[in-house]
Amino acid sequence: MDVQLVRLSPSSEDDIGSVQEVLEDAPGYSVAVTGRPPADDDARSLFDELPPGSHREDKLVFAIRQGSRVVGCADVVVGYPEASTVFVGLLLVRERDQGHGIGAKAYELLEEQFRKRGLKKARLAVVETNPRALPFWERLGFVRTGERREYSCGEVSSSLVLLEKRIGGASRMEARTLVGHVSSGGATRDYARIIGEILTSRGHEVKIVDLKREKVDDLSPFDLVVVGMGVRMFMVYRKGKQFLSREDLKGKRVAVFLSSAMAIEDPEKAKERFLSPLIERHGLEPIMHDAFPGKMPVGGGKLQDRTDPEVARKWANALADRVES
């Protein structure tokens, strides 16, 4: 993944503008911690604000670049609250670029810099009204210190949860996950790959399997099983139905998705027609089950691609949230 960190200057209006654009393209963060959308001077404040006893030269602000694009930003304070500690103030990725592992890669690059500076420990605080942040940092190896502090900013009154990590300490894999798919036109296969990428970025150890070509004899190594199937001539692919009938799926954390031309116009109708009867028949209780837009026959044996990768990304992130909760 082509992710880079670029040090920014508090005296550069262009650099301040780059950070402001990131903040405005990730408004959910500001709403979560202040109760309002980003203000015009938030980037300037990010450069200027310092904890007690720190100096301007201790504050490092970075752009997170992917190729030629600035996709995020980060700020840290070196030597706070102790000389051998770095405090991570913010690591934020534009909302449209989230879910691709950019944040995790950016922290990996930050930690390399911390190590080169001889720092021993990283520390940060998460506002409880920003619930997705805690699982993210814990997947990277941060642990809660047990400290909590009152927090108030704008319309938000909450608590801060303090976390720490030893520099160079291991990240924690969240789950061993199987993503199995049965596809003919390729839509389900492509969705499975997207889901696998998102779950990997969220800390899962993922194995993707084409169930038409590869047999999975033992599900015991997997904490989560995701099954994707296609539909042709109003019939769910046989291999997918056979996989759902496995006795060793019962008691597993399972999620099921379907790609179907019917879901282009009415995902709920496709879900109820094709998925729900299978789930009920085999006594499964999936964490999530949904239908995604597939490829539509247009005559002459040709298919029109109506798939929606963003639907799969959002679904995979929602699945990861449920697994982590």
Protein backbone atom coordinates (compact mmCIF):
# COMPACT_ATOMS: atom_id res chain seq x y z
CA MET A 1 0.00 0.00 0.00
CA ASP A 2 1.48 3.33 -1.12
CA VAL A 3 1.00 5.35 2.08
CA GLN A 4 3.45 8.03 3.16
CA LEU A 5 3.78 10.55 5.98
CA VAL A 6 4.79 14.11 5.13
CA ARG A 7 5.75 16.54 7.91
CA LEU A 8 3.73 19.76 7.78
CA SER A 9 4.68 23.26 8.88
CA PRO A 10 2.56 25.52 11.11
CA SER A 11 3.80 28.52 9.11
CA SER A 12 2.54 27.18 5.77
CA GLU A 13 -0.97 28.21 4.80
CA ASP A 14 -1.03 25.41 2.21
CA ASP A 15 -0.22 22.83 4.90
CA ILE A 16 -2.89 24.23 7.20
CA GLY A 17 -5.33 24.15 4.30
CA SER A 18 -4.53 20.49 3.61
CA VAL A 19 -5.38 19.57 7.20
CA GLN A 20 -8.57 21.64 7.08
CA GLU A 21 -9.70 19.75 3.97
CA VAL A 22 -9.18 16.42 5.74
CA LEU A 23 -11.16 17.59 8.76
CA GLU A 24 -14.00 18.76 6.55
CA ASP A 25 -13.98 15.47 4.62
CA ALA A 26 -14.32 13.51 7.88
CA PRO A 27 -17.08 15.48 9.65
CA GLY A 28 -18.21 12.46 11.67
CA TYR A 29 -15.17 12.79 13.90
CA SER A 30 -15.87 16.42 14.77
CA VAL A 31 -19.55 15.72 15.38
CA ALA A 32 -18.64 12.82 17.67
CA VAL A 33 -16.20 14.78 19.86
CA THR A 34 -17.60 18.33 19.70
CA GLY A 35 -21.24 17.93 18.65
CA ARG A 36 -20.75 20.13 15.59
CA PRO A 37 -19.30 19.96 12.06
CA PRO A 38 -15.69 21.12 11.59
CA ALA A 39 -15.16 24.85 12.07
CA ASP A 40 -13.10 27.02 9.71
CA ASP A 41 -10.25 27.39 12.20
CA ASP A 42 -10.00 23.78 13.41
CA ALA A 43 -6.84 23.05 11.43
CA ARG A 44 -5.10 26.14 12.81
CA SER A 45 -6.07 25.05 16.33
CA LEU A 46 -4.66 21.59 15.70
CA PHE A 47 -1.26 23.11 14.88
CA ASP A 48 -1.32 25.56 17.79
CA GLU A 49 -2.73 23.60 20.73
CA LEU A 50 -0.18 22.10 23.12
CA PRO A 51 -0.47 20.23 26.42
CA PRO A 52 1.00 21.83 29.57
CA GLY A 53 4.78 21.96 29.63
CA SER A 54 5.23 21.20 25.92
CA HIS A 55 6.81 23.46 23.32
CA ARG A 56 6.02 24.15 19.67
CA GLU A 57 8.94 22.04 18.48
CA ASP A 58 7.47 19.03 20.34
CA LYS A 59 4.34 19.11 18.19
CA LEU A 60 4.58 17.17 14.90
CA VAL A 61 1.78 17.33 12.34
CA PHE A 62 1.74 15.04 9.31
CA ALA A 63 -0.19 14.68 6.11
CA ILE A 64 -1.06 11.09 5.25
CA ARG A 65 -0.58 10.65 1.52
CA GLN A 66 -1.67 7.86 -0.77
CA GLY A 67 0.06 8.45 -4.06
CA SER A 68 -0.39 12.13 -4.85
CA ARG A 69 -3.49 12.59 -2.66
CA VAL A 70 -3.66 13.77 0.93
CA VAL A 71 -6.06 11.26 2.47
CA GLY A 72 -5.57 11.99 6.15
CA CYS A 73 -3.62 13.75 8.87
CA ALA A 74 -2.00 12.99 12.20
CA ASP A 75 -0.56 14.99 15.08
CA VAL A 76 1.63 13.87 17.94
CA VAL A 77 3.44 15.52 20.85
CA VAL A 78 6.90 14.13 21.56
CA GLY A 79 8.06 13.88 25.18
CA TYR A 80 4.61 14.11 26.75
CA PRO A 81 3.71 13.38 29.45
CA GLU A 82 7.20 11.88 30.00
CA ALA A 83 10.44 12.28 28.06
CA SER A 84 10.31 8.72 26.67
CA THR A 85 6.62 8.92 25.70
CA VAL A 86 4.82 10.27 22.63
CA PHE A 87 1.19 11.37 22.82
CA VAL A 88 -0.93 10.72 19.72
CA GLY A 89 -3.41 13.57 19.48
CA LEU A 90 -5.15 12.65 16.24
CA LEU A 91 -5.01 10.17 13.40
CA LEU A 92 -7.79 10.83 10.91
CA VAL A 93 -8.56 9.59 7.39
CA ARG A 94 -11.06 11.19 5.02
CA GLU A 95 -14.36 9.32 5.31
CA ARG A 96 -14.40 8.20 1.67
CA ASP A 97 -10.93 6.66 2.14
CA GLN A 98 -11.71 4.85 5.39
CA GLY A 99 -11.96 1.09 5.49
CA HIS A 100 -8.90 0.43 3.32
CA GLY A 101 -6.25 -0.01 6.01
CA ILE A 102 -4.79 3.48 5.51
CA GLY A 103 -5.07 4.45 9.17
CA ALA A 104 -3.34 1.28 10.37
CA LYS A 105 -0.54 1.73 7.83
CA ALA A 106 -0.13 5.39 8.82
CA TYR A 107 0.26 4.43 12.48
CA GLU A 108 2.83 1.80 11.50
CA LEU A 109 4.84 4.56 9.80
CA LEU A 110 4.44 6.83 12.81
CA GLU A 111 5.70 4.11 15.12
CA GLU A 112 8.80 3.69 12.93
CA GLN A 113 9.55 7.38 13.53
CA PHE A 114 8.92 7.00 17.26
CA ARG A 115 11.36 4.08 17.38
CA LYS A 116 14.05 6.06 15.55
CA ARG A 117 13.69 8.85 18.11
CA GLY A 118 14.29 6.38 20.92
CA LEU A 119 10.79 6.72 22.34
CA LYS A 120 9.59 3.82 24.48
CA LYS A 121 5.84 4.29 24.79
CA ALA A 122 2.90 5.78 22.85
CA ARG A 123 -0.10 7.13 24.70
CA LEU A 124 -3.48 8.50 23.57
CA ALA A 125 -6.99 9.31 24.76
CA VAL A 126 -10.27 8.30 23.13
CA VAL A 127 -13.52 10.19 23.69
CA GLU A 128 -16.26 7.70 24.53
CA THR A 129 -18.64 9.39 22.08
CA ASN A 130 -16.27 8.24 19.29
CA PRO A 131 -16.96 4.49 19.67
CA ARG A 132 -15.13 3.19 16.57
CA ALA A 133 -11.83 4.61 17.80
CA LEU A 134 -11.35 2.21 20.71
CA PRO A 135 -11.46 -1.02 18.64
CA PHE A 136 -9.15 0.55 16.05
CA TRP A 137 -6.45 1.42 18.57
CA GLU A 138 -6.82 -1.84 20.47
CA ARG A 139 -6.28 -3.79 17.24
CA LEU A 140 -3.00 -1.92 16.85
CA GLY A 141 -1.85 -3.16 20.24
CA PHE A 142 -2.90 -0.30 22.53
CA VAL A 143 -4.27 -1.33 25.93
CA ARG A 144 -6.44 0.60 28.34
CA THR A 145 -4.54 1.95 31.33
CA GLY A 146 -7.61 2.05 33.56
CA GLU A 147 -7.45 5.86 33.72
CA ARG A 148 -10.51 7.92 32.84
CA ARG A 149 -10.90 11.67 32.73
CA GLU A 150 -13.86 13.98 32.34
CA TYR A 151 -14.24 15.49 28.89
CA SER A 152 -16.26 18.47 27.74
CA CYS A 153 -16.08 20.21 24.36
CA GLY A 154 -18.83 22.17 22.67
CA GLU A 155 -22.06 20.25 23.06
CA VAL A 156 -20.35 17.01 24.14
CA SER A 157 -19.84 15.99 27.76
CA SER A 158 -18.26 12.57 28.05
CA SER A 159 -15.20 10.73 29.33
CA LEU A 160 -11.71 10.12 28.01
CA VAL A 161 -10.35 6.57 28.00
CA LEU A 162 -6.53 6.46 28.23
CA LEU A 163 -4.57 3.85 26.26
CA GLU A 164 -0.87 3.00 25.96
CA LYS A 165 1.37 0.84 23.81
CA ARG A 166 5.02 -0.11 24.10
CA ILE A 167 6.83 1.10 20.97
CA GLY A 168 7.50 -1.96 18.85
CA GLY A 169 4.86 -4.03 20.64
CA ALA A 170 2.76 -6.40 18.60
CA SER A 171 -0.63 -5.58 17.13
CA ARG A 172 -3.53 -7.80 18.11
CA MET A 173 -5.33 -9.82 15.44
CA GLU A 174 -9.04 -9.60 16.13
CA ALA A 175 -10.35 -12.80 14.52
CA ARG A 176 -9.46 -15.62 12.18
CA THR A 177 -11.99 -15.30 9.40
CA LEU A 178 -13.01 -17.45 6.46
CA VAL A 179 -14.62 -15.66 3.51
CA GLY A 180 -16.05 -18.31 1.21
CA HIS A 181 -17.76 -17.52 -2.07
CA VAL A 182 -19.63 -19.29 -4.86
CA SER A 183 -19.69 -17.23 -8.03
CA SER A 184 -20.27 -17.66 -11.75
CA GLY A 185 -20.37 -14.18 -13.27
CA GLY A 186 -17.75 -12.87 -10.83
CA ALA A 187 -19.87 -10.47 -8.76
CA THR A 188 -19.85 -12.59 -5.59
CA ARG A 189 -16.11 -13.26 -5.97
CA ASP A 190 -15.42 -9.52 -6.26
CA TYR A 191 -17.57 -8.75 -3.23
CA ALA A 192 -15.75 -11.46 -1.25
CA ARG A 193 -12.41 -9.86 -2.08
CA ILE A 194 -13.63 -6.44 -0.96
CA ILE A 195 -15.01 -7.86 2.28
CA GLY A 196 -11.74 -9.71 2.86
CA GLU A 197 -9.74 -6.51 2.34
CA ILE A 198 -11.88 -4.55 4.79
CA LEU A 199 -11.78 -7.23 7.45
CA THR A 200 -8.01 -7.49 7.04
CA SER A 201 -7.72 -3.73 7.52
CA ARG A 202 -9.82 -4.08 10.68
CA GLY A 203 -7.39 -6.59 12.18
CA HIS A 204 -8.78 -9.94 11.03
CA GLU A 205 -6.64 -12.77 9.73
CA VAL A 206 -8.58 -13.58 6.55
CA LYS A 207 -8.62 -16.60 4.26
CA ILE A 208 -10.65 -16.23 1.03
CA VAL A 209 -11.83 -19.46 -0.55
CA ASP A 210 -13.61 -20.21 -3.83
CA LEU A 211 -16.03 -22.85 -2.58
CA LYS A 212 -16.62 -24.18 -6.11
CA ARG A 213 -12.97 -25.15 -6.42
CA GLU A 214 -11.68 -25.67 -2.90
CA LYS A 215 -13.07 -27.81 -0.11
CA VAL A 216 -12.93 -26.58 3.47
CA ASP A 217 -12.81 -29.67 5.65
CA ASP A 218 -12.42 -28.03 9.04
CA LEU A 219 -14.05 -24.82 10.26
CA SER A 220 -12.66 -25.06 13.80
CA PRO A 221 -9.71 -22.68 13.15
CA PHE A 222 -12.09 -19.86 12.22
CA ASP A 223 -13.76 -17.46 14.62
CA LEU A 224 -15.96 -15.96 11.91
CA VAL A 225 -17.29 -17.50 8.69
CA VAL A 226 -18.58 -15.26 5.89
CA VAL A 227 -20.42 -17.00 3.05
CA GLY A 228 -21.25 -15.32 -0.27
CA MET A 229 -23.43 -16.79 -3.00
CA GLY A 230 -24.74 -15.82 -6.40
CA VAL A 231 -28.11 -16.45 -8.06
CA ARG A 232 -28.79 -17.67 -11.56
CA MET A 233 -32.19 -18.34 -13.12
CA PHE A 234 -33.74 -17.52 -9.74
CA MET A 235 -31.75 -20.30 -8.08
CA VAL A 236 -29.04 -19.92 -5.44
CA TYR A 237 -25.88 -21.74 -6.50
CA ARG A 238 -25.90 -25.31 -5.23
CA LYS A 239 -22.43 -25.20 -3.66
CA GLY A 240 -23.50 -22.25 -1.54
CA LYS A 241 -26.60 -24.04 -0.30
CA GLN A 242 -24.53 -27.11 0.50
CA PHE A 243 -22.06 -25.07 2.53
CA LEU A 244 -24.83 -23.49 4.60
CA SER A 245 -26.15 -26.97 5.42
CA ARG A 246 -22.95 -27.92 7.29
CA GLU A 247 -23.55 -28.97 10.87
CA ASP A 248 -20.29 -27.36 12.02
CA LEU A 249 -21.61 -23.93 11.01
CA LYS A 250 -24.12 -24.08 13.85
CA GLY A 251 -22.71 -22.32 16.87
CA LYS A 252 -20.24 -20.37 14.71
CA ARG A 253 -20.34 -16.63 14.17
CA VAL A 254 -21.66 -16.54 10.61
CA ALA A 255 -22.47 -13.78 8.13
CA VAL A 256 -24.08 -14.39 4.74
CA PHE A 257 -24.36 -12.26 1.63
CA LEU A 258 -25.90 -12.74 -1.78
CA SER A 259 -25.33 -11.02 -5.11
CA SER A 260 -28.38 -10.86 -7.33
CA ALA A 261 -29.81 -8.87 -10.22
CA MET A 262 -33.01 -8.56 -8.16
CA ALA A 263 -31.03 -6.67 -5.51
CA ILE A 264 -30.24 -3.92 -8.02
CA GLU A 265 -33.77 -2.58 -7.56
CA ASP A 266 -34.89 -4.23 -4.31
CA PRO A 267 -32.23 -5.68 -1.98
CA GLU A 268 -34.79 -6.54 0.71
CA LYS A 269 -36.90 -8.51 -1.74
CA ALA A 270 -33.83 -10.48 -2.87
CA LYS A 271 -32.86 -11.09 0.73
CA GLU A 272 -36.29 -12.39 1.68
CA ARG A 273 -36.69 -14.51 -1.45
CA PHE A 274 -33.29 -16.17 -1.57
CA LEU A 275 -31.45 -15.83 1.76
CA SER A 276 -33.99 -15.92 4.55
CA PRO A 277 -35.50 -19.32 3.57
CA LEU A 278 -32.01 -20.89 3.46
CA ILE A 279 -31.06 -19.49 6.83
CA GLU A 280 -34.29 -20.66 8.41
CA ARG A 281 -34.05 -24.11 6.79
CA HIS A 282 -30.58 -24.75 8.20
CA GLY A 283 -31.20 -23.27 11.64
CA LEU A 284 -28.58 -20.56 11.30
CA GLU A 285 -28.50 -17.32 13.28
CA PRO A 286 -26.17 -15.09 11.26
CA ILE A 287 -24.74 -11.88 12.64
CA MET A 288 -25.70 -10.24 9.37
CA HIS A 289 -27.29 -11.36 6.11
CA ASP A 290 -27.91 -9.09 3.14
CA ALA A 291 -28.26 -8.99 -0.64
CA PHE A 292 -25.99 -6.88 -2.87
CA PRO A 293 -26.59 -5.70 -6.46
CA GLY A 294 -25.22 -8.20 -8.96
CA LYS A 295 -24.82 -8.49 -12.72
CA MET A 296 -27.90 -8.31 -14.92
CA PRO A 297 -28.46 -10.41 -18.08
CA VAL A 298 -28.93 -8.16 -21.12
CA GLY A 299 -29.27 -10.79 -23.87
CA GLY A 300 -26.86 -12.69 -26.04
CA GLY A 301 -25.29 -14.30 -22.99
CA LYS A 302 -23.91 -10.94 -21.87
CA LEU A 303 -24.06 -9.44 -18.39
CA GLN A 304 -24.28 -5.78 -17.38
CA ASP A 305 -22.21 -5.07 -14.28
CA ARG A 306 -24.40 -3.35 -11.69
CA THR A 307 -22.32 -4.22 -8.65
CA ASP A 308 -21.71 -1.61 -5.96
CA PRO A 309 -18.35 -2.02 -4.15
CA GLU A 310 -19.23 0.67 -1.62
CA VAL A 311 -22.17 -1.40 -0.37
CA ALA A 312 -19.78 -4.26 0.38
CA ARG A 313 -17.29 -1.95 2.13
CA LYS A 314 -19.97 -0.53 4.41
CA TRP A 315 -21.33 -4.02 5.10
CA ALA A 316 -17.88 -5.37 5.99
CA ASN A 317 -17.17 -2.45 8.33
CA ALA A 318 -20.56 -2.93 10.01
CA LEU A 319 -19.76 -6.65 10.37
CA ALA A 320 -16.40 -5.87 11.95
CA ASP A 321 -18.11 -3.48 14.36
CA ARG A 322 -20.50 -6.21 15.47
CA VAL A 323 -17.74 -8.77 15.90
CA GLU A 324 -15.78 -6.30 18.01
CA SER A 325 -18.71 -5.23 20.18
